[in-house]
């Protein structure tokens, strides 16, 4: 039955639809993977900035604690 579909107009149309569907799925998957990679990079940058701010806050607390008894 499958070879018969290849030689009919319906079979040709079905093949075209399948190929276009596969191409669109592949492109969508590629975009999704790129989006996830970008989000991971942004998350890593955010964590780094939060650590830097936490260190600055700790330094400021230590500086104020050192000034207070004086």
PDB file of N, CA and C in Angstrom:
ATOM      1  N   UNK A   1       0.826  -1.197   0.000  1.00  0.00           N
ATOM      2  CA  UNK A   1       0.000   0.000   0.000  1.00  0.00           C
ATOM      3  C   UNK A   1       0.862   1.248   0.000  1.00  0.00           C
ATOM      4  N   UNK A   2       1.961   1.241   0.732  1.00  0.00           N
ATOM      5  CA  UNK A   2       2.808   2.429   0.811  1.00  0.00           C
ATOM      6  C   UNK A   2       3.384   2.838  -0.550  1.00  0.00           C
ATOM      7  N   UNK A   3       3.915   1.909  -1.366  1.00  0.00           N
ATOM      8  CA  UNK A   3       4.428   2.337  -2.683  1.00  0.00           C
ATOM      9  C   UNK A   3       3.347   2.919  -3.571  1.00  0.00           C
ATOM     10  N   UNK A   4       2.133   2.452  -3.413  1.00  0.00           N
ATOM     11  CA  UNK A   4       1.040   2.991  -4.223  1.00  0.00           C
ATOM     12  C   UNK A   4       0.808   4.469  -3.919  1.00  0.00           C
ATOM     13  N   UNK A   5       0.941   4.869  -2.628  1.00  0.00           N
ATOM     14  CA  UNK A   5       0.743   6.269  -2.259  1.00  0.00           C
ATOM     15  C   UNK A   5       1.785   7.183  -2.878  1.00  0.00           C
ATOM     16  N   UNK A   6       2.970   6.655  -3.128  1.00  0.00           N
ATOM     17  CA  UNK A   6       4.030   7.483  -3.693  1.00  0.00           C
ATOM     18  C   UNK A   6       3.724   7.923  -5.123  1.00  0.00           C
ATOM     19  N   UNK A   7       2.921   7.164  -5.828  1.00  0.00           N
ATOM     20  CA  UNK A   7       2.671   7.463  -7.232  1.00  0.00           C
ATOM     21  C   UNK A   7       1.354   8.180  -7.483  1.00  0.00           C
ATOM     22  N   UNK A   8       0.641   8.509  -6.464  1.00  0.00           N
ATOM     23  CA  UNK A   8      -0.622   9.213  -6.648  1.00  0.00           C
ATOM     24  C   UNK A   8      -0.442  10.682  -6.294  1.00  0.00           C
ATOM     25  N   UNK A   9      -1.352  11.477  -6.708  1.00  0.00           N
ATOM     26  CA  UNK A   9      -1.290  12.903  -6.373  1.00  0.00           C
ATOM     27  C   UNK A   9      -1.430  13.110  -4.873  1.00  0.00           C
ATOM     28  N   UNK A  10      -2.283  12.314  -4.279  1.00  0.00           N
ATOM     29  CA  UNK A  10      -2.469  12.398  -2.832  1.00  0.00           C
ATOM     30  C   UNK A  10      -1.174  12.032  -2.108  1.00  0.00           C
ATOM     31  N   UNK A  11      -0.502  11.015  -2.609  1.00  0.00           N
ATOM     32  CA  UNK A  11       0.767  10.598  -2.023  1.00  0.00           C
ATOM     33  C   UNK A  11       1.820  11.679  -2.141  1.00  0.00           C
ATOM     34  N   UNK A  12       1.878  12.330  -3.293  1.00  0.00           N
ATOM     35  CA  UNK A  12       2.837  13.411  -3.498  1.00  0.00           C
ATOM     36  C   UNK A  12       2.523  14.579  -2.562  1.00  0.00           C
ATOM     37  N   UNK A  13       1.260  14.915  -2.451  1.00  0.00           N
ATOM     38  CA  UNK A  13       0.863  15.997  -1.557  1.00  0.00           C
ATOM     39  C   UNK A  13       1.188  15.643  -0.105  1.00  0.00           C
ATOM     40  N   UNK A  14       0.936  14.400   0.257  1.00  0.00           N
ATOM     41  CA  UNK A  14       1.235  13.943   1.601  1.00  0.00           C
ATOM     42  C   UNK A  14       2.734  14.008   1.893  1.00  0.00           C
ATOM     43  N   UNK A  15       3.553  13.661   0.931  1.00  0.00           N
ATOM     44  CA  UNK A  15       5.011  13.747   1.117  1.00  0.00           C
ATOM     45  C   UNK A  15       5.450  15.191   1.296  1.00  0.00           C
ATOM     46  N   UNK A  16       4.917  16.094   0.507  1.00  0.00           N
ATOM     47  CA  UNK A  16       5.269  17.509   0.618  1.00  0.00           C
ATOM     48  C   UNK A  16       4.874  18.045   1.988  1.00  0.00           C
ATOM     49  N   UNK A  17       3.677  17.712   2.428  1.00  0.00           N
ATOM     50  CA  UNK A  17       3.214  18.159   3.743  1.00  0.00           C
ATOM     51  C   UNK A  17       4.108  17.598   4.843  1.00  0.00           C
ATOM     52  N   UNK A  18       4.480  16.333   4.720  1.00  0.00           N
ATOM     53  CA  UNK A  18       5.347  15.711   5.718  1.00  0.00           C
ATOM     54  C   UNK A  18       6.719  16.380   5.745  1.00  0.00           C
ATOM     55  N   UNK A  19       7.293  16.638   4.594  1.00  0.00           N
ATOM     56  CA  UNK A  19       8.613  17.281   4.538  1.00  0.00           C
ATOM     57  C   UNK A  19       8.558  18.680   5.123  1.00  0.00           C
ATOM     58  N   UNK A  20       7.546  19.455   4.751  1.00  0.00           N
ATOM     59  CA  UNK A  20       7.403  20.807   5.295  1.00  0.00           C
ATOM     60  C   UNK A  20       7.199  20.757   6.803  1.00  0.00           C
ATOM     61  N   UNK A  21       6.408  19.817   7.260  1.00  0.00           N
ATOM     62  CA  UNK A  21       6.186  19.663   8.702  1.00  0.00           C
ATOM     63  C   UNK A  21       7.472  19.337   9.437  1.00  0.00           C
ATOM     64  N   UNK A  22       8.272  18.439   8.893  1.00  0.00           N
ATOM     65  CA  UNK A  22       9.539  18.080   9.524  1.00  0.00           C
ATOM     66  C   UNK A  22      10.483  19.276   9.568  1.00  0.00           C
ATOM     67  N   UNK A  23      10.538  20.027   8.486  1.00  0.00           N
ATOM     68  CA  UNK A  23      11.420  21.208   8.442  1.00  0.00           C
ATOM     69  C   UNK A  23      10.976  22.237   9.471  1.00  0.00           C
ATOM     70  N   UNK A  24       9.693  22.506   9.558  1.00  0.00           N
ATOM     71  CA  UNK A  24       9.207  23.476  10.536  1.00  0.00           C
ATOM     72  C   UNK A  24       9.438  22.988  11.959  1.00  0.00           C
ATOM     73  N   UNK A  25       9.261  21.695  12.201  1.00  0.00           N
ATOM     74  CA  UNK A  25       9.522  21.144  13.527  1.00  0.00           C
ATOM     75  C   UNK A  25      10.993  21.298  13.885  1.00  0.00           C
ATOM     76  N   UNK A  26      11.877  21.017  12.925  1.00  0.00           N
ATOM     77  CA  UNK A  26      13.315  21.124  13.169  1.00  0.00           C
ATOM     78  C   UNK A  26      13.698  22.570  13.484  1.00  0.00           C
ATOM     79  N   UNK A  27      13.172  23.513  12.716  1.00  0.00           N
ATOM     80  CA  UNK A  27      13.479  24.933  12.968  1.00  0.00           C
ATOM     81  C   UNK A  27      12.942  25.378  14.323  1.00  0.00           C
ATOM     82  N   UNK A  28      11.742  24.961  14.652  1.00  0.00           N
ATOM     83  CA  UNK A  28      11.163  25.315  15.955  1.00  0.00           C
ATOM     84  C   UNK A  28      11.977  24.746  17.092  1.00  0.00           C
ATOM     85  N   UNK A  29      12.413  23.514  16.960  1.00  0.00           N
ATOM     86  CA  UNK A  29      13.237  22.878  17.989  1.00  0.00           C
ATOM     87  C   UNK A  29      14.572  23.619  18.143  1.00  0.00           C
ATOM     88  N   UNK A  30      15.145  24.018  17.025  1.00  0.00           N
ATOM     89  CA  UNK A  30      16.405  24.762  17.050  1.00  0.00           C
ATOM     90  C   UNK A  30      16.236  26.091  17.791  1.00  0.00           C
ATOM     91  N   UNK A  31      15.144  26.796  17.518  1.00  0.00           N
ATOM     92  CA  UNK A  31      14.866  28.058  18.209  1.00  0.00           C
ATOM     93  C   UNK A  31      14.635  27.827  19.693  1.00  0.00           C
ATOM     94  N   UNK A  32      13.941  26.753  20.033  1.00  0.00           N
ATOM     95  CA  UNK A  32      13.682  26.439  21.436  1.00  0.00           C
ATOM     96  C   UNK A  32      14.985  26.162  22.183  1.00  0.00           C
ATOM     97  N   UNK A  33      15.877  25.409  21.570  1.00  0.00           N
ATOM     98  CA  UNK A  33      17.167  25.123  22.203  1.00  0.00           C
ATOM     99  C   UNK A  33      17.988  26.397  22.380  1.00  0.00           C
ATOM    100  N   UNK A  34      17.958  27.286  21.389  1.00  0.00           N
ATOM    101  CA  UNK A  34      18.679  28.555  21.491  1.00  0.00           C
ATOM    102  C   UNK A  34      18.096  29.409  22.615  1.00  0.00           C
ATOM    103  N   UNK A  35      16.776  29.422  22.731  1.00  0.00           N
ATOM    104  CA  UNK A  35      16.113  30.180  23.801  1.00  0.00           C
ATOM    105  C   UNK A  35      16.533  29.661  25.169  1.00  0.00           C
ATOM    106  N   UNK A  36      16.558  28.331  25.328  1.00  0.00           N
ATOM    107  CA  UNK A  36      16.951  27.747  26.610  1.00  0.00           C
ATOM    108  C   UNK A  36      18.411  28.067  26.932  1.00  0.00           C
ATOM    109  N   UNK A  37      19.259  28.062  25.913  1.00  0.00           N
ATOM    110  CA  UNK A  37      20.663  28.391  26.134  1.00  0.00           C
ATOM    111  C   UNK A  37      20.802  29.853  26.566  1.00  0.00           C
ATOM    112  N   UNK A  38      20.068  30.741  25.915  1.00  0.00           N
ATOM    113  CA  UNK A  38      20.107  32.163  26.293  1.00  0.00           C
ATOM    114  C   UNK A  38      19.600  32.367  27.717  1.00  0.00           C
ATOM    115  N   UNK A  39      18.526  31.665  28.081  1.00  0.00           N
ATOM    116  CA  UNK A  39      17.995  31.790  29.434  1.00  0.00           C
ATOM    117  C   UNK A  39      18.993  31.270  30.466  1.00  0.00           C
ATOM    118  N   UNK A  40      19.695  30.217  30.144  1.00  0.00           N
ATOM    119  CA  UNK A  40      20.706  29.665  31.059  1.00  0.00           C
ATOM    120  C   UNK A  40      21.836  30.675  31.258  1.00  0.00           C
ATOM    121  N   UNK A  41      22.266  31.327  30.174  1.00  0.00           N
ATOM    122  CA  UNK A  41      23.321  32.336  30.275  1.00  0.00           C
ATOM    123  C   UNK A  41      22.848  33.509  31.127  1.00  0.00           C
ATOM    124  N   UNK A  42      21.626  33.962  30.897  1.00  0.00           N
ATOM    125  CA  UNK A  42      21.079  35.065  31.698  1.00  0.00           C
ATOM    126  C   UNK A  42      20.988  34.680  33.172  1.00  0.00           C
ATOM    127  N   UNK A  43      20.577  33.450  33.441  1.00  0.00           N
ATOM    128  CA  UNK A  43      20.468  32.989  34.821  1.00  0.00           C
ATOM    129  C   UNK A  43      21.844  32.986  35.494  1.00  0.00           C
ATOM    130  N   UNK A  44      22.857  32.533  34.776  1.00  0.00           N
ATOM    131  CA  UNK A  44      24.209  32.498  35.334  1.00  0.00           C
ATOM    132  C   UNK A  44      24.715  33.912  35.611  1.00  0.00           C
ATOM    133  N   UNK A  45      24.437  34.844  34.694  1.00  0.00           N
ATOM    134  CA  UNK A  45      24.827  36.243  34.907  1.00  0.00           C
ATOM    135  C   UNK A  45      24.105  36.820  36.124  1.00  0.00           C
ATOM    136  N   UNK A  46      22.841  36.499  36.265  1.00  0.00           N
ATOM    137  CA  UNK A  46      22.058  36.999  37.394  1.00  0.00           C
ATOM    138  C   UNK A  46      22.626  36.481  38.719  1.00  0.00           C
ATOM    139  N   UNK A  47      22.952  35.200  38.758  1.00  0.00           N
ATOM    140  CA  UNK A  47      23.511  34.614  39.978  1.00  0.00           C
ATOM    141  C   UNK A  47      24.842  35.283  40.310  1.00  0.00           C
ATOM    142  N   UNK A  48      25.667  35.527  39.301  1.00  0.00           N
ATOM    143  CA  UNK A  48      26.952  36.193  39.522  1.00  0.00           C
ATOM    144  C   UNK A  48      26.752  37.600  40.079  1.00  0.00           C
ATOM    145  N   UNK A  49      25.816  38.351  39.523  1.00  0.00           N
ATOM    146  CA  UNK A  49      25.540  39.707  40.006  1.00  0.00           C
ATOM    147  C   UNK A  49      25.016  39.686  41.437  1.00  0.00           C
ATOM    148  N   UNK A  50      24.155  38.716  41.740  1.00  0.00           N
ATOM    149  CA  UNK A  50      23.621  38.620  43.098  1.00  0.00           C
ATOM    150  C   UNK A  50      24.733  38.310  44.098  1.00  0.00           C
ATOM    151  N   UNK A  51      25.683  37.459  43.727  1.00  0.00           N
ATOM    152  CA  UNK A  51      26.804  37.157  44.608  1.00  0.00           C
ATOM    153  C   UNK A  51      27.667  38.397  44.826  1.00  0.00           C
ATOM    154  N   UNK A  52      27.887  39.166  43.743  1.00  0.00           N
ATOM    155  CA  UNK A  52      28.667  40.402  43.869  1.00  0.00           C
ATOM    156  C   UNK A  52      27.967  41.388  44.807  1.00  0.00           C
ATOM    157  N   UNK A  53      26.659  41.533  44.650  1.00  0.00           N
ATOM    158  CA  UNK A  53      25.915  42.443  45.521  1.00  0.00           C
ATOM    159  C   UNK A  53      25.936  41.965  46.970  1.00  0.00           C
ATOM    160  N   UNK A  54      25.853  40.666  47.164  1.00  0.00           N
ATOM    161  CA  UNK A  54      25.899  40.117  48.506  1.00  0.00           C
ATOM    162  C   UNK A  54      27.263  40.394  49.153  1.00  0.00           C
ATOM    163  N   UNK A  55      28.330  40.263  48.378  1.00  0.00           N
ATOM    164  CA  UNK A  55      29.665  40.569  48.897  1.00  0.00           C
ATOM    165  C   UNK A  55      29.802  42.050  49.254  1.00  0.00           C
ATOM    166  N   UNK A  56      29.287  42.917  48.386  1.00  0.00           N
ATOM    167  CA  UNK A  56      29.335  44.355  48.667  1.00  0.00           C
ATOM    168  C   UNK A  56      28.541  44.686  49.929  1.00  0.00           C
ATOM    169  N   UNK A  57      27.391  44.073  50.087  1.00  0.00           N
ATOM    170  CA  UNK A  57      26.564  44.301  51.272  1.00  0.00           C
ATOM    171  C   UNK A  57      27.290  43.838  52.537  1.00  0.00           C
ATOM    172  N   UNK A  58      27.925  42.691  52.459  1.00  0.00           N
ATOM    173  CA  UNK A  58      28.675  42.175  53.599  1.00  0.00           C
ATOM    174  C   UNK A  58      29.849  43.090  53.948  1.00  0.00           C
ATOM    175  N   UNK A  59      30.535  43.605  52.929  1.00  0.00           N
ATOM    176  CA  UNK A  59      31.636  44.551  53.173  1.00  0.00           C
ATOM    177  C   UNK A  59      31.119  45.811  53.853  1.00  0.00           C
ATOM    178  N   UNK A  60      29.986  46.303  53.392  1.00  0.00           N
ATOM    179  CA  UNK A  60      29.402  47.517  53.971  1.00  0.00           C
ATOM    180  C   UNK A  60      28.997  47.274  55.430  1.00  0.00           C
ATOM    181  N   UNK A  61      28.428  46.128  55.708  1.00  0.00           N
ATOM    182  CA  UNK A  61      28.051  45.794  57.090  1.00  0.00           C
ATOM    183  C   UNK A  61      29.288  45.721  57.983  1.00  0.00           C
ATOM    184  N   UNK A  62      30.347  45.095  57.473  1.00  0.00           N
ATOM    185  CA  UNK A  62      31.584  44.997  58.252  1.00  0.00           C
ATOM    186  C   UNK A  62      32.190  46.376  58.497  1.00  0.00           C
ATOM    187  N   UNK A  63      32.134  47.239  57.485  1.00  0.00           N
ATOM    188  CA  UNK A  63      32.691  48.590  57.627  1.00  0.00           C
ATOM    189  C   UNK A  63      31.903  49.387  58.666  1.00  0.00           C
ATOM    190  N   UNK A  64      30.586  49.279  58.603  1.00  0.00           N
ATOM    191  CA  UNK A  64      29.746  50.000  59.578  1.00  0.00           C
ATOM    192  C   UNK A  64      29.931  49.431  60.984  1.00  0.00           C
ATOM    193  N   UNK A  65      30.093  48.121  61.091  1.00  0.00           N
ATOM    194  CA  UNK A  65      30.321  47.491  62.397  1.00  0.00           C
ATOM    195  C   UNK A  65      31.651  47.949  62.975  1.00  0.00           C
ATOM    196  N   UNK A  66      32.645  48.146  62.139  1.00  0.00           N
ATOM    197  CA  UNK A  66      33.964  48.595  62.594  1.00  0.00           C
ATOM    198  C   UNK A  66      33.909  50.061  63.019  1.00  0.00           C
ATOM    199  N   UNK A  67      33.090  50.857  62.378  1.00  0.00           N
ATOM    200  CA  UNK A  67      32.988  52.303  62.702  1.00  0.00           C
ATOM    201  C   UNK A  67      32.133  52.533  63.945  1.00  0.00           C
ATOM    202  N   UNK A  68      31.180  51.706  64.207  1.00  0.00           N
ATOM    203  CA  UNK A  68      30.210  51.912  65.275  1.00  0.00           C
ATOM    204  C   UNK A  68      30.845  52.002  66.681  1.00  0.00           C
ATOM    205  N   UNK A  69      31.711  51.106  67.100  1.00  0.00           N
ATOM    206  CA  UNK A  69      32.268  51.194  68.445  1.00  0.00           C
ATOM    207  C   UNK A  69      33.164  52.429  68.643  1.00  0.00           C
ATOM    208  N   UNK A  70      33.675  52.975  67.622  1.00  0.00           N
ATOM    209  CA  UNK A  70      34.591  54.108  67.766  1.00  0.00           C
ATOM    210  C   UNK A  70      33.953  55.375  68.187  1.00  0.00           C
TER     211      UNK A  70
END
